[in-house]
Amino acid sequence: MSASSATAHVGRLWQATFAPGFHDVSGTVTVLDEDTLQFDNFTYDGGGIFVLFYLGETDSTDSFLNGLPVGDDLVGTAYDGTQPAFTVDLPAGTTIDGYHAISVWCVDVGVSFSSGTFQPQPVPEPATCVLAVVAVGLGWMRWRASK
């Protein structure tokens, strides 16, 4: 099953976590929809020659060599994980369907600085979130009433 078809399933989302690698790359990538990725807690020292995010069918060198480049050149921009989440759109007319892995890829050398495979993640049930808000609200009302 591909990440894009799976995003339609209720209660699931797809994420990849960058494995330890080169140039201090780390972070989590979430498939927001069929053509948008969100990067959270992303770190990268800004080094390399020509570096892009690449999608691949699998988490392998061959797959990334024949993969899909997405986003702008990352070289020269350092990320320390404290920046807000950011999104990257896939090229027009392209979807995540068929791509199961992502890499921070050094194009000129053909080397992955780090990569990860998209995996389904549980999404909290809406009722759990509502109960938490209600519990906090009730606690605040009790505190306020005691003043």
N, C-alpha and C. Protein backbone atom coordinates (compact mmCIF):
# COMPACT_ATOMS: atom_id res chain seq x y z
N MET A 1 0.85 -1.17 0.00
CA MET A 1 0.00 0.00 0.00
C MET A 1 0.90 1.23 0.00
N SER A 2 0.53 2.25 -0.74
CA SER A 2 1.35 3.45 -0.82
C SER A 2 0.94 4.46 0.23
N ALA A 3 1.83 5.40 0.47
CA ALA A 3 1.56 6.44 1.46
C ALA A 3 0.33 7.25 1.09
N SER A 4 0.16 7.57 -0.20
CA SER A 4 -0.97 8.43 -0.56
C SER A 4 -2.30 7.72 -0.40
N SER A 5 -2.40 6.47 -0.81
CA SER A 5 -3.67 5.78 -0.66
C SER A 5 -3.97 5.52 0.81
N ALA A 6 -2.93 5.35 1.60
CA ALA A 6 -3.12 5.08 3.02
C ALA A 6 -3.54 6.32 3.78
N THR A 7 -3.20 7.53 3.30
CA THR A 7 -3.57 8.74 4.03
C THR A 7 -5.07 8.91 4.08
N ALA A 8 -5.79 8.27 3.17
CA ALA A 8 -7.25 8.37 3.17
C ALA A 8 -7.88 7.51 4.24
N HIS A 9 -7.14 6.57 4.82
CA HIS A 9 -7.68 5.70 5.85
C HIS A 9 -7.87 6.47 7.14
N VAL A 10 -9.03 6.32 7.72
CA VAL A 10 -9.36 7.02 8.96
C VAL A 10 -8.42 6.56 10.07
N GLY A 11 -7.93 7.51 10.87
CA GLY A 11 -7.11 7.18 12.02
C GLY A 11 -5.66 6.83 11.71
N ARG A 12 -5.17 7.12 10.50
CA ARG A 12 -3.78 6.81 10.15
C ARG A 12 -3.15 8.01 9.47
N LEU A 13 -1.87 8.19 9.70
CA LEU A 13 -1.08 9.13 8.93
C LEU A 13 0.26 8.47 8.68
N TRP A 14 0.99 8.98 7.70
CA TRP A 14 2.25 8.35 7.30
C TRP A 14 3.40 9.28 7.61
N GLN A 15 4.43 8.73 8.28
CA GLN A 15 5.60 9.51 8.65
C GLN A 15 6.88 8.71 8.38
N ALA A 16 7.94 9.46 8.13
CA ALA A 16 9.28 8.89 8.04
C ALA A 16 10.17 9.67 8.99
N THR A 17 11.06 8.96 9.65
CA THR A 17 12.03 9.60 10.53
C THR A 17 13.41 9.40 9.93
N PHE A 18 14.15 10.50 9.79
CA PHE A 18 15.49 10.39 9.24
C PHE A 18 16.39 9.64 10.22
N ALA A 19 17.04 8.59 9.71
CA ALA A 19 17.99 7.81 10.51
C ALA A 19 19.27 8.62 10.68
N PRO A 20 20.06 8.34 11.71
CA PRO A 20 21.34 9.03 11.87
C PRO A 20 22.19 8.87 10.61
N GLY A 21 22.81 9.96 10.20
CA GLY A 21 23.61 9.93 8.98
C GLY A 21 24.65 11.04 8.96
N PHE A 22 24.80 11.68 7.81
CA PHE A 22 25.80 12.72 7.63
C PHE A 22 25.19 14.11 7.76
N HIS A 23 26.05 15.08 8.03
CA HIS A 23 25.67 16.50 8.09
C HIS A 23 24.57 16.77 9.11
N ASP A 24 24.57 16.00 10.18
CA ASP A 24 23.64 16.22 11.31
C ASP A 24 22.17 16.22 10.90
N VAL A 25 21.81 15.42 9.91
CA VAL A 25 20.41 15.36 9.47
C VAL A 25 19.58 14.55 10.47
N SER A 26 18.43 15.11 10.83
CA SER A 26 17.45 14.40 11.64
C SER A 26 16.10 15.09 11.43
N GLY A 27 15.05 14.49 11.95
CA GLY A 27 13.72 15.08 11.86
C GLY A 27 12.70 14.07 11.39
N THR A 28 11.47 14.55 11.29
CA THR A 28 10.34 13.71 10.90
C THR A 28 9.64 14.35 9.71
N VAL A 29 9.24 13.50 8.77
CA VAL A 29 8.50 13.96 7.58
C VAL A 29 7.13 13.31 7.61
N THR A 30 6.09 14.13 7.45
CA THR A 30 4.71 13.64 7.47
C THR A 30 4.08 13.90 6.11
N VAL A 31 3.37 12.90 5.59
CA VAL A 31 2.59 13.08 4.35
C VAL A 31 1.30 13.79 4.74
N LEU A 32 1.16 15.07 4.33
CA LEU A 32 -0.05 15.82 4.64
C LEU A 32 -1.18 15.48 3.69
N ASP A 33 -0.85 15.35 2.42
CA ASP A 33 -1.82 14.94 1.41
C ASP A 33 -1.04 14.36 0.24
N GLU A 34 -1.68 14.10 -0.87
CA GLU A 34 -1.03 13.37 -1.96
C GLU A 34 0.16 14.09 -2.57
N ASP A 35 0.29 15.40 -2.35
CA ASP A 35 1.41 16.11 -2.95
C ASP A 35 2.08 17.12 -2.02
N THR A 36 1.94 16.93 -0.70
CA THR A 36 2.56 17.85 0.26
C THR A 36 3.19 17.07 1.42
N LEU A 37 4.42 17.44 1.74
CA LEU A 37 5.15 16.86 2.86
C LEU A 37 5.41 17.93 3.91
N GLN A 38 5.35 17.55 5.18
CA GLN A 38 5.66 18.48 6.27
C GLN A 38 6.88 17.96 7.01
N PHE A 39 7.82 18.87 7.28
CA PHE A 39 9.06 18.55 7.97
C PHE A 39 9.03 19.17 9.36
N ASP A 40 9.21 18.33 10.39
CA ASP A 40 9.20 18.78 11.78
C ASP A 40 10.54 18.46 12.43
N ASN A 41 11.00 19.39 13.28
CA ASN A 41 12.24 19.20 14.04
C ASN A 41 13.41 18.84 13.12
N PHE A 42 13.43 19.43 11.94
CA PHE A 42 14.44 19.11 10.95
C PHE A 42 15.78 19.73 11.31
N THR A 43 16.84 18.92 11.25
CA THR A 43 18.19 19.43 11.45
C THR A 43 19.05 19.05 10.25
N TYR A 44 19.96 19.97 9.91
CA TYR A 44 20.89 19.77 8.81
C TYR A 44 21.91 20.90 8.91
N ASP A 45 23.19 20.59 8.79
CA ASP A 45 24.22 21.61 8.98
C ASP A 45 24.42 22.54 7.80
N GLY A 46 23.73 22.30 6.68
CA GLY A 46 23.83 23.17 5.51
C GLY A 46 24.97 22.83 4.57
N GLY A 47 25.74 21.79 4.88
CA GLY A 47 26.89 21.42 4.06
C GLY A 47 26.52 20.54 2.88
N GLY A 48 27.51 20.34 2.00
CA GLY A 48 27.31 19.51 0.82
C GLY A 48 27.53 20.32 -0.45
N ILE A 49 27.26 19.70 -1.59
CA ILE A 49 27.49 20.35 -2.88
C ILE A 49 26.16 20.84 -3.46
N PHE A 50 25.28 19.93 -3.77
CA PHE A 50 23.93 20.23 -4.28
C PHE A 50 23.03 19.20 -3.63
N VAL A 51 22.21 19.63 -2.67
CA VAL A 51 21.46 18.71 -1.82
C VAL A 51 19.97 19.00 -1.91
N LEU A 52 19.21 17.96 -2.18
CA LEU A 52 17.75 18.07 -2.28
C LEU A 52 17.10 16.94 -1.48
N PHE A 53 15.82 17.10 -1.19
CA PHE A 53 15.04 15.97 -0.72
C PHE A 53 14.74 15.13 -1.95
N TYR A 54 14.86 13.81 -1.81
CA TYR A 54 14.53 12.89 -2.89
C TYR A 54 13.57 11.84 -2.37
N LEU A 55 12.56 11.53 -3.16
CA LEU A 55 11.65 10.43 -2.85
C LEU A 55 12.09 9.21 -3.64
N GLY A 56 11.94 8.04 -3.04
CA GLY A 56 12.28 6.79 -3.71
C GLY A 56 11.23 5.74 -3.44
N GLU A 57 11.16 4.75 -4.32
CA GLU A 57 10.22 3.64 -4.10
C GLU A 57 10.58 2.87 -2.84
N THR A 58 11.89 2.73 -2.58
CA THR A 58 12.38 2.05 -1.38
C THR A 58 13.50 2.90 -0.79
N ASP A 59 13.92 2.55 0.40
CA ASP A 59 15.02 3.25 1.06
C ASP A 59 16.33 2.60 0.62
N SER A 60 16.73 2.92 -0.63
CA SER A 60 17.96 2.34 -1.18
C SER A 60 18.61 3.33 -2.13
N THR A 61 19.92 3.19 -2.30
CA THR A 61 20.67 4.07 -3.20
C THR A 61 20.10 4.02 -4.61
N ASP A 62 19.87 2.83 -5.14
CA ASP A 62 19.33 2.70 -6.50
C ASP A 62 17.99 3.42 -6.64
N SER A 63 17.16 3.30 -5.64
CA SER A 63 15.85 3.93 -5.69
C SER A 63 15.97 5.45 -5.70
N PHE A 64 16.87 5.99 -4.87
CA PHE A 64 17.03 7.44 -4.84
C PHE A 64 17.74 7.95 -6.10
N LEU A 65 18.65 7.16 -6.67
CA LEU A 65 19.29 7.55 -7.93
C LEU A 65 18.25 7.75 -9.03
N ASN A 66 17.17 6.96 -8.97
CA ASN A 66 16.09 7.06 -9.95
C ASN A 66 14.86 7.73 -9.36
N GLY A 67 15.05 8.42 -8.25
CA GLY A 67 13.92 8.98 -7.52
C GLY A 67 13.45 10.33 -8.01
N LEU A 68 12.62 10.94 -7.20
CA LEU A 68 11.99 12.22 -7.52
C LEU A 68 12.57 13.32 -6.64
N PRO A 69 13.24 14.33 -7.24
CA PRO A 69 13.71 15.45 -6.44
C PRO A 69 12.54 16.36 -6.07
N VAL A 70 12.52 16.81 -4.81
CA VAL A 70 11.46 17.72 -4.35
C VAL A 70 12.08 18.85 -3.54
N GLY A 71 11.52 20.02 -3.68
CA GLY A 71 11.99 21.17 -2.92
C GLY A 71 13.19 21.84 -3.55
N ASP A 72 13.69 22.82 -2.80
CA ASP A 72 14.83 23.63 -3.25
C ASP A 72 16.14 23.08 -2.70
N ASP A 73 17.26 23.55 -3.29
CA ASP A 73 18.59 23.17 -2.84
C ASP A 73 18.74 23.56 -1.36
N LEU A 74 19.18 22.61 -0.55
CA LEU A 74 19.31 22.82 0.89
C LEU A 74 20.67 23.39 1.30
N VAL A 75 21.67 23.34 0.41
CA VAL A 75 23.02 23.76 0.77
C VAL A 75 23.04 25.23 1.18
N GLY A 76 23.75 25.50 2.26
CA GLY A 76 23.92 26.87 2.73
C GLY A 76 22.90 27.30 3.77
N THR A 77 21.86 26.52 3.96
CA THR A 77 20.85 26.84 4.97
C THR A 77 20.93 25.79 6.07
N ALA A 78 21.30 26.25 7.26
CA ALA A 78 21.39 25.33 8.40
C ALA A 78 20.07 25.30 9.14
N TYR A 79 19.69 24.13 9.58
CA TYR A 79 18.48 23.92 10.38
C TYR A 79 18.92 23.27 11.68
N ASP A 80 18.45 23.79 12.81
CA ASP A 80 18.85 23.22 14.09
C ASP A 80 17.70 22.55 14.83
N GLY A 81 16.57 22.38 14.16
CA GLY A 81 15.43 21.71 14.77
C GLY A 81 14.49 22.63 15.53
N THR A 82 14.88 23.90 15.70
CA THR A 82 14.02 24.83 16.43
C THR A 82 13.14 25.66 15.50
N GLN A 83 13.39 25.59 14.21
CA GLN A 83 12.57 26.32 13.25
C GLN A 83 11.16 25.73 13.21
N PRO A 84 10.18 26.54 12.86
CA PRO A 84 8.82 25.99 12.72
C PRO A 84 8.78 24.91 11.65
N ALA A 85 7.80 24.04 11.76
CA ALA A 85 7.58 23.04 10.72
C ALA A 85 7.44 23.75 9.38
N PHE A 86 7.88 23.09 8.32
CA PHE A 86 7.73 23.66 6.98
C PHE A 86 7.22 22.59 6.03
N THR A 87 6.61 23.04 4.95
CA THR A 87 6.07 22.09 3.97
C THR A 87 6.81 22.21 2.65
N VAL A 88 6.80 21.12 1.92
CA VAL A 88 7.38 21.06 0.58
C VAL A 88 6.33 20.41 -0.32
N ASP A 89 6.03 21.08 -1.43
CA ASP A 89 5.09 20.54 -2.41
C ASP A 89 5.84 19.70 -3.43
N LEU A 90 5.25 18.60 -3.82
CA LEU A 90 5.82 17.80 -4.89
C LEU A 90 5.64 18.55 -6.21
N PRO A 91 6.45 18.23 -7.22
CA PRO A 91 6.30 18.90 -8.51
C PRO A 91 4.88 18.76 -9.05
N ALA A 92 4.43 19.76 -9.78
CA ALA A 92 3.08 19.78 -10.34
C ALA A 92 2.78 18.48 -11.09
N GLY A 93 1.61 17.93 -10.83
CA GLY A 93 1.18 16.71 -11.51
C GLY A 93 1.74 15.43 -10.91
N THR A 94 2.50 15.54 -9.82
CA THR A 94 3.10 14.38 -9.18
C THR A 94 2.44 14.14 -7.83
N THR A 95 2.27 12.88 -7.47
CA THR A 95 1.74 12.53 -6.16
C THR A 95 2.74 11.63 -5.44
N ILE A 96 2.51 11.43 -4.18
CA ILE A 96 3.36 10.57 -3.35
C ILE A 96 3.16 9.09 -3.68
N ASP A 97 2.11 8.78 -4.43
CA ASP A 97 1.79 7.39 -4.74
C ASP A 97 2.99 6.68 -5.38
N GLY A 98 3.36 5.55 -4.81
CA GLY A 98 4.47 4.76 -5.31
C GLY A 98 5.81 5.07 -4.64
N TYR A 99 5.87 6.18 -3.90
CA TYR A 99 7.10 6.53 -3.19
C TYR A 99 6.92 6.18 -1.71
N HIS A 100 7.87 5.42 -1.18
CA HIS A 100 7.76 4.94 0.19
C HIS A 100 8.90 5.41 1.09
N ALA A 101 9.86 6.14 0.51
CA ALA A 101 11.03 6.57 1.29
C ALA A 101 11.45 7.97 0.87
N ILE A 102 12.17 8.63 1.77
CA ILE A 102 12.68 9.98 1.50
C ILE A 102 14.13 10.05 1.94
N SER A 103 14.91 10.87 1.25
CA SER A 103 16.32 11.04 1.55
C SER A 103 16.70 12.51 1.47
N VAL A 104 17.68 12.90 2.27
CA VAL A 104 18.40 14.16 2.06
C VAL A 104 19.58 13.72 1.20
N TRP A 105 19.49 14.06 -0.10
CA TRP A 105 20.32 13.45 -1.12
C TRP A 105 21.32 14.44 -1.71
N CYS A 106 22.60 14.08 -1.69
CA CYS A 106 23.64 14.88 -2.34
C CYS A 106 23.67 14.48 -3.80
N VAL A 107 23.11 15.32 -4.65
CA VAL A 107 22.88 14.99 -6.06
C VAL A 107 24.18 14.73 -6.81
N ASP A 108 25.16 15.63 -6.69
CA ASP A 108 26.39 15.50 -7.48
C ASP A 108 27.21 14.27 -7.14
N VAL A 109 27.12 13.80 -5.90
CA VAL A 109 27.91 12.66 -5.46
C VAL A 109 27.08 11.37 -5.44
N GLY A 110 25.74 11.50 -5.42
CA GLY A 110 24.88 10.32 -5.38
C GLY A 110 24.92 9.63 -4.04
N VAL A 111 24.87 10.43 -2.96
CA VAL A 111 24.97 9.89 -1.61
C VAL A 111 23.82 10.42 -0.76
N SER A 112 23.27 9.54 0.03
CA SER A 112 22.23 9.92 0.97
C SER A 112 22.86 10.38 2.27
N PHE A 113 22.53 11.59 2.71
CA PHE A 113 23.00 12.06 4.01
C PHE A 113 22.18 11.42 5.13
N SER A 114 20.94 11.10 4.84
CA SER A 114 20.06 10.41 5.77
C SER A 114 18.78 10.07 5.02
N SER A 115 18.08 9.05 5.49
CA SER A 115 16.85 8.65 4.82
C SER A 115 15.91 7.99 5.82
N GLY A 116 14.68 7.80 5.38
CA GLY A 116 13.69 7.12 6.20
C GLY A 116 12.58 6.57 5.33
N THR A 117 11.88 5.57 5.85
CA THR A 117 10.76 4.94 5.15
C THR A 117 9.46 5.40 5.78
N PHE A 118 8.49 5.76 4.95
CA PHE A 118 7.19 6.17 5.46
C PHE A 118 6.48 4.97 6.08
N GLN A 119 6.00 5.17 7.31
CA GLN A 119 5.30 4.14 8.07
C GLN A 119 3.99 4.72 8.59
N PRO A 120 2.94 3.89 8.67
CA PRO A 120 1.68 4.39 9.24
C PRO A 120 1.84 4.67 10.73
N GLN A 121 1.23 5.75 11.19
CA GLN A 121 1.28 6.15 12.59
C GLN A 121 -0.15 6.28 13.11
N PRO A 122 -0.38 5.93 14.36
CA PRO A 122 -1.73 6.12 14.92
C PRO A 122 -2.02 7.59 15.12
N VAL A 123 -3.25 7.95 14.92
CA VAL A 123 -3.71 9.32 15.15
C VAL A 123 -4.62 9.28 16.36
N PRO A 124 -4.45 10.21 17.32
CA PRO A 124 -5.33 10.20 18.49
C PRO A 124 -6.79 10.32 18.08
N GLU A 125 -7.62 9.58 18.76
CA GLU A 125 -9.05 9.66 18.51
C GLU A 125 -9.56 11.04 18.90
N PRO A 126 -10.46 11.64 18.12
CA PRO A 126 -10.99 12.96 18.46
C PRO A 126 -11.59 13.01 19.86
N ALA A 127 -12.23 11.94 20.30
CA ALA A 127 -12.85 11.93 21.62
C ALA A 127 -11.79 12.12 22.72
N THR A 128 -10.60 11.57 22.53
CA THR A 128 -9.53 11.72 23.51
C THR A 128 -9.14 13.18 23.64
N CYS A 129 -9.05 13.87 22.52
CA CYS A 129 -8.69 15.29 22.54
C CYS A 129 -9.79 16.10 23.22
N VAL A 130 -11.03 15.80 22.94
CA VAL A 130 -12.15 16.52 23.55
C VAL A 130 -12.16 16.30 25.05
N LEU A 131 -11.95 15.06 25.49
CA LEU A 131 -11.93 14.78 26.93
C LEU A 131 -10.81 15.54 27.62
N ALA A 132 -9.66 15.66 26.99
CA ALA A 132 -8.56 16.40 27.59
C ALA A 132 -8.91 17.87 27.74
N VAL A 133 -9.54 18.45 26.75
CA VAL A 133 -9.95 19.86 26.81
C VAL A 133 -11.00 20.05 27.90
N VAL A 134 -11.95 19.15 27.98
CA VAL A 134 -12.99 19.25 29.00
C VAL A 134 -12.37 19.13 30.39
N ALA A 135 -11.45 18.19 30.58
CA ALA A 135 -10.81 18.00 31.88
C ALA A 135 -10.04 19.25 32.30
N VAL A 136 -9.31 19.86 31.38
CA VAL A 136 -8.58 21.09 31.68
C VAL A 136 -9.55 22.20 32.00
N GLY A 137 -10.63 22.30 31.23
CA GLY A 137 -11.64 23.33 31.46
C GLY A 137 -12.30 23.19 32.82
N LEU A 138 -12.63 21.96 33.22
CA LEU A 138 -13.24 21.73 34.53
C LEU A 138 -12.27 22.08 35.65
N GLY A 139 -11.00 21.73 35.46
CA GLY A 139 -9.99 22.07 36.47
C GLY A 139 -9.87 23.58 36.63
N TRP A 140 -9.89 24.30 35.53
CA TRP A 140 -9.81 25.76 35.58
C TRP A 140 -11.03 26.33 36.27
N MET A 141 -12.23 25.81 35.97
CA MET A 141 -13.45 26.32 36.59
C MET A 141 -13.42 26.08 38.09
N ARG A 142 -12.93 24.92 38.52
CA ARG A 142 -12.83 24.64 39.98
C ARG A 142 -11.85 25.60 40.64
N TRP A 143 -10.73 25.81 39.98
CA TRP A 143 -9.72 26.73 40.52
C TRP A 143 -10.31 28.14 40.62
N ARG A 144 -11.00 28.58 39.58
CA ARG A 144 -11.58 29.93 39.53
C ARG A 144 -12.65 30.08 40.63
N ALA A 145 -13.45 29.04 40.82
CA ALA A 145 -14.53 29.09 41.83
C ALA A 145 -13.95 29.16 43.24
N SER A 146 -12.73 28.64 43.44
CA SER A 146 -12.14 28.66 44.77
C SER A 146 -11.53 30.00 45.12
N LYS A 147 -11.43 30.91 44.21
CA LYS A 147 -10.83 32.23 44.45
C LYS A 147 -11.81 33.23 44.95
